[in-house]
């Protein structure tokens, strides 16, 4: 009698399944707390070094807000450099040598902090350059 049975087929898994390993959880390293740096404030004018060389002078007659005649003033440019060195960054917003809103704002903030009067007074400009080799020349 003929055997009508089909031969048994070998079954192979569709993919190899590795033996299951127990899941291990690695502890996460603890983060060290970061130290917060103190906020920088504008230091005292005599404590801040300057990049301005000796032999330069600031003429107060050249310190005129948005002057049509005193554009690109070396005196205003020196004031802007020193104010930025002191931390009054709005002075750097104006074009170098032009006393406009940014420099005026910086001078007003400086004058208010130092209680020196108007932003363009001899007392204020002299205080800006305190501790530097710059000589302030009063207006004629």
C-alpha atoms as a PDB file:
ATOM      1  CA  UNK A   1       0.000   0.000   0.000  1.00  0.00           C
ATOM      2  CA  UNK A   2       1.306   3.235  -0.957  1.00  0.00           C
ATOM      3  CA  UNK A   3       1.903   5.734   1.699  1.00  0.00           C
ATOM      4  CA  UNK A   4      -0.029   8.944   0.900  1.00  0.00           C
ATOM      5  CA  UNK A   5       1.451  10.851   3.730  1.00  0.00           C
ATOM      6  CA  UNK A   6       3.497  13.801   2.851  1.00  0.00           C
ATOM      7  CA  UNK A   7       6.940  13.730   4.247  1.00  0.00           C
ATOM      8  CA  UNK A   8       7.393  15.886   7.292  1.00  0.00           C
ATOM      9  CA  UNK A   9       8.925  19.233   6.495  1.00  0.00           C
ATOM     10  CA  UNK A  10      11.609  20.632   8.621  1.00  0.00           C
ATOM     11  CA  UNK A  11      10.589  23.944  10.120  1.00  0.00           C
ATOM     12  CA  UNK A  12      13.148  26.583  10.624  1.00  0.00           C
ATOM     13  CA  UNK A  13      12.443  29.716  12.549  1.00  0.00           C
ATOM     14  CA  UNK A  14      12.166  32.872  10.467  1.00  0.00           C
ATOM     15  CA  UNK A  15      14.849  34.524  12.529  1.00  0.00           C
ATOM     16  CA  UNK A  16      17.313  33.477  15.044  1.00  0.00           C
ATOM     17  CA  UNK A  17      16.155  34.447  18.487  1.00  0.00           C
ATOM     18  CA  UNK A  18      18.987  34.856  20.888  1.00  0.00           C
ATOM     19  CA  UNK A  19      18.559  33.638  24.326  1.00  0.00           C
ATOM     20  CA  UNK A  20      16.869  36.256  26.379  1.00  0.00           C
ATOM     21  CA  UNK A  21      19.217  37.917  28.806  1.00  0.00           C
ATOM     22  CA  UNK A  22      18.018  39.716  31.878  1.00  0.00           C
ATOM     23  CA  UNK A  23      17.726  43.430  31.362  1.00  0.00           C
ATOM     24  CA  UNK A  24      20.237  45.387  33.384  1.00  0.00           C
ATOM     25  CA  UNK A  25      19.835  49.081  34.048  1.00  0.00           C
ATOM     26  CA  UNK A  26      22.981  51.107  34.356  1.00  0.00           C
ATOM     27  CA  UNK A  27      22.787  53.886  36.923  1.00  0.00           C
ATOM     28  CA  UNK A  28      23.026  57.304  35.335  1.00  0.00           C
ATOM     29  CA  UNK A  29      25.979  59.345  36.507  1.00  0.00           C
ATOM     30  CA  UNK A  30      25.017  62.191  38.771  1.00  0.00           C
ATOM     31  CA  UNK A  31      25.516  65.601  37.277  1.00  0.00           C
ATOM     32  CA  UNK A  32      27.617  67.927  39.291  1.00  0.00           C
ATOM     33  CA  UNK A  33      25.835  71.207  39.892  1.00  0.00           C
ATOM     34  CA  UNK A  34      27.264  74.075  37.922  1.00  0.00           C
ATOM     35  CA  UNK A  35      28.436  77.081  39.782  1.00  0.00           C
ATOM     36  CA  UNK A  36      26.609  80.207  38.779  1.00  0.00           C
ATOM     37  CA  UNK A  37      28.942  82.975  37.805  1.00  0.00           C
ATOM     38  CA  UNK A  38      28.157  86.339  39.319  1.00  0.00           C
ATOM     39  CA  UNK A  39      26.692  88.850  36.914  1.00  0.00           C
ATOM     40  CA  UNK A  40      29.140  91.386  35.661  1.00  0.00           C
ATOM     41  CA  UNK A  41      28.525  94.980  36.544  1.00  0.00           C
ATOM     42  CA  UNK A  42      30.450  98.003  35.465  1.00  0.00           C
ATOM     43  CA  UNK A  43      33.465  98.217  37.796  1.00  0.00           C
ATOM     44  CA  UNK A  44      34.906 101.406  39.205  1.00  0.00           C
ATOM     45  CA  UNK A  45      36.534 103.464  36.460  1.00  0.00           C
ATOM     46  CA  UNK A  46      39.966 103.506  38.056  1.00  0.00           C
ATOM     47  CA  UNK A  47      40.008  99.681  38.317  1.00  0.00           C
ATOM     48  CA  UNK A  48      39.540  99.012  34.605  1.00  0.00           C
ATOM     49  CA  UNK A  49      42.628  98.897  32.407  1.00  0.00           C
ATOM     50  CA  UNK A  50      42.550 100.826  29.180  1.00  0.00           C
ATOM     51  CA  UNK A  51      43.829 100.250  25.681  1.00  0.00           C
ATOM     52  CA  UNK A  52      44.110 103.993  25.095  1.00  0.00           C
ATOM     53  CA  UNK A  53      47.764 105.049  24.721  1.00  0.00           C
ATOM     54  CA  UNK A  54      49.397 108.016  26.414  1.00  0.00           C
ATOM     55  CA  UNK A  55      49.484 111.462  24.882  1.00  0.00           C
ATOM     56  CA  UNK A  56      45.850 111.652  23.779  1.00  0.00           C
ATOM     57  CA  UNK A  57      43.415 114.360  24.791  1.00  0.00           C
ATOM     58  CA  UNK A  58      39.657 114.851  24.788  1.00  0.00           C
ATOM     59  CA  UNK A  59      38.448 118.314  23.878  1.00  0.00           C
ATOM     60  CA  UNK A  60      35.092 119.078  25.485  1.00  0.00           C
ATOM     61  CA  UNK A  61      34.262 121.524  22.673  1.00  0.00           C
ATOM     62  CA  UNK A  62      34.096 118.471  20.356  1.00  0.00           C
ATOM     63  CA  UNK A  63      31.572 116.620  22.546  1.00  0.00           C
ATOM     64  CA  UNK A  64      28.352 117.762  20.850  1.00  0.00           C
ATOM     65  CA  UNK A  65      25.242 115.586  20.476  1.00  0.00           C
ATOM     66  CA  UNK A  66      24.544 114.823  16.792  1.00  0.00           C
ATOM     67  CA  UNK A  67      26.571 117.778  15.621  1.00  0.00           C
ATOM     68  CA  UNK A  68      26.552 118.593  11.934  1.00  0.00           C
ATOM     69  CA  UNK A  69      30.069 120.012  12.231  1.00  0.00           C
ATOM     70  CA  UNK A  70      31.827 117.688  14.676  1.00  0.00           C
ATOM     71  CA  UNK A  71      31.454 114.355  12.900  1.00  0.00           C
ATOM     72  CA  UNK A  72      33.998 111.607  13.367  1.00  0.00           C
ATOM     73  CA  UNK A  73      35.434 113.404  16.364  1.00  0.00           C
ATOM     74  CA  UNK A  74      38.517 111.785  17.883  1.00  0.00           C
ATOM     75  CA  UNK A  75      37.401 113.057  21.292  1.00  0.00           C
ATOM     76  CA  UNK A  76      34.016 111.324  20.994  1.00  0.00           C
ATOM     77  CA  UNK A  77      35.729 108.173  19.697  1.00  0.00           C
ATOM     78  CA  UNK A  78      37.965 108.067  22.788  1.00  0.00           C
ATOM     79  CA  UNK A  79      34.928 108.539  25.035  1.00  0.00           C
ATOM     80  CA  UNK A  80      33.173 105.651  23.279  1.00  0.00           C
ATOM     81  CA  UNK A  81      36.183 103.357  23.660  1.00  0.00           C
ATOM     82  CA  UNK A  82      36.497 104.129  27.363  1.00  0.00           C
ATOM     83  CA  UNK A  83      32.769 103.715  28.055  1.00  0.00           C
ATOM     84  CA  UNK A  84      32.814 100.274  26.417  1.00  0.00           C
ATOM     85  CA  UNK A  85      35.885  99.365  28.507  1.00  0.00           C
ATOM     86  CA  UNK A  86      33.880 100.385  31.585  1.00  0.00           C
ATOM     87  CA  UNK A  87      30.976  98.154  30.582  1.00  0.00           C
ATOM     88  CA  UNK A  88      28.625 100.700  29.026  1.00  0.00           C
ATOM     89  CA  UNK A  89      28.034  98.813  25.796  1.00  0.00           C
ATOM     90  CA  UNK A  90      25.454 101.171  24.301  1.00  0.00           C
ATOM     91  CA  UNK A  91      28.359 103.539  23.500  1.00  0.00           C
ATOM     92  CA  UNK A  92      29.516 100.985  20.947  1.00  0.00           C
ATOM     93  CA  UNK A  93      26.197 101.163  19.086  1.00  0.00           C
ATOM     94  CA  UNK A  94      27.010 104.523  17.529  1.00  0.00           C
ATOM     95  CA  UNK A  95      29.359 105.003  14.617  1.00  0.00           C
ATOM     96  CA  UNK A  96      32.856 105.663  15.972  1.00  0.00           C
ATOM     97  CA  UNK A  97      33.337 109.368  16.611  1.00  0.00           C
ATOM     98  CA  UNK A  98      29.646 110.282  16.338  1.00  0.00           C
ATOM     99  CA  UNK A  99      27.916 111.253  19.569  1.00  0.00           C
ATOM    100  CA  UNK A 100      24.417 109.910  19.027  1.00  0.00           C
ATOM    101  CA  UNK A 101      21.773 108.101  21.106  1.00  0.00           C
ATOM    102  CA  UNK A 102      23.885 105.114  22.186  1.00  0.00           C
ATOM    103  CA  UNK A 103      26.838 107.156  23.418  1.00  0.00           C
ATOM    104  CA  UNK A 104      24.552 109.697  25.052  1.00  0.00           C
ATOM    105  CA  UNK A 105      22.678 106.919  26.876  1.00  0.00           C
ATOM    106  CA  UNK A 106      25.964 105.428  28.110  1.00  0.00           C
ATOM    107  CA  UNK A 107      27.191 108.826  29.313  1.00  0.00           C
ATOM    108  CA  UNK A 108      23.859 109.513  31.058  1.00  0.00           C
ATOM    109  CA  UNK A 109      24.015 106.124  32.833  1.00  0.00           C
ATOM    110  CA  UNK A 110      27.608 106.775  33.864  1.00  0.00           C
ATOM    111  CA  UNK A 111      26.779 110.304  35.088  1.00  0.00           C
ATOM    112  CA  UNK A 112      23.780 109.037  37.079  1.00  0.00           C
ATOM    113  CA  UNK A 113      25.848 106.297  38.706  1.00  0.00           C
ATOM    114  CA  UNK A 114      28.742 108.618  39.553  1.00  0.00           C
ATOM    115  CA  UNK A 115      26.464 111.595  40.312  1.00  0.00           C
ATOM    116  CA  UNK A 116      28.554 113.920  38.149  1.00  0.00           C
ATOM    117  CA  UNK A 117      25.835 116.032  36.553  1.00  0.00           C
ATOM    118  CA  UNK A 118      25.034 116.333  32.861  1.00  0.00           C
ATOM    119  CA  UNK A 119      26.248 113.698  30.434  1.00  0.00           C
ATOM    120  CA  UNK A 120      28.487 116.175  28.617  1.00  0.00           C
ATOM    121  CA  UNK A 121      29.837 118.072  31.635  1.00  0.00           C
ATOM    122  CA  UNK A 122      33.547 118.421  32.307  1.00  0.00           C
ATOM    123  CA  UNK A 123      33.087 116.552  35.585  1.00  0.00           C
ATOM    124  CA  UNK A 124      31.458 113.556  33.855  1.00  0.00           C
ATOM    125  CA  UNK A 125      34.014 113.303  31.043  1.00  0.00           C
ATOM    126  CA  UNK A 126      36.887 113.686  33.521  1.00  0.00           C
ATOM    127  CA  UNK A 127      35.400 110.870  35.644  1.00  0.00           C
ATOM    128  CA  UNK A 128      35.177 108.623  32.560  1.00  0.00           C
ATOM    129  CA  UNK A 129      38.940 108.967  32.050  1.00  0.00           C
ATOM    130  CA  UNK A 130      39.946 108.765  35.706  1.00  0.00           C
ATOM    131  CA  UNK A 131      42.982 106.499  36.048  1.00  0.00           C
ATOM    132  CA  UNK A 132      43.930 106.744  32.357  1.00  0.00           C
ATOM    133  CA  UNK A 133      46.624 108.802  30.596  1.00  0.00           C
ATOM    134  CA  UNK A 134      43.988 110.814  28.680  1.00  0.00           C
ATOM    135  CA  UNK A 135      43.914 114.549  29.361  1.00  0.00           C
ATOM    136  CA  UNK A 136      40.532 116.323  29.291  1.00  0.00           C
ATOM    137  CA  UNK A 137      40.687 119.847  27.783  1.00  0.00           C
ATOM    138  CA  UNK A 138      37.847 122.145  28.995  1.00  0.00           C
ATOM    139  CA  UNK A 139      35.738 123.963  26.410  1.00  0.00           C
ATOM    140  CA  UNK A 140      37.132 127.401  25.484  1.00  0.00           C
END
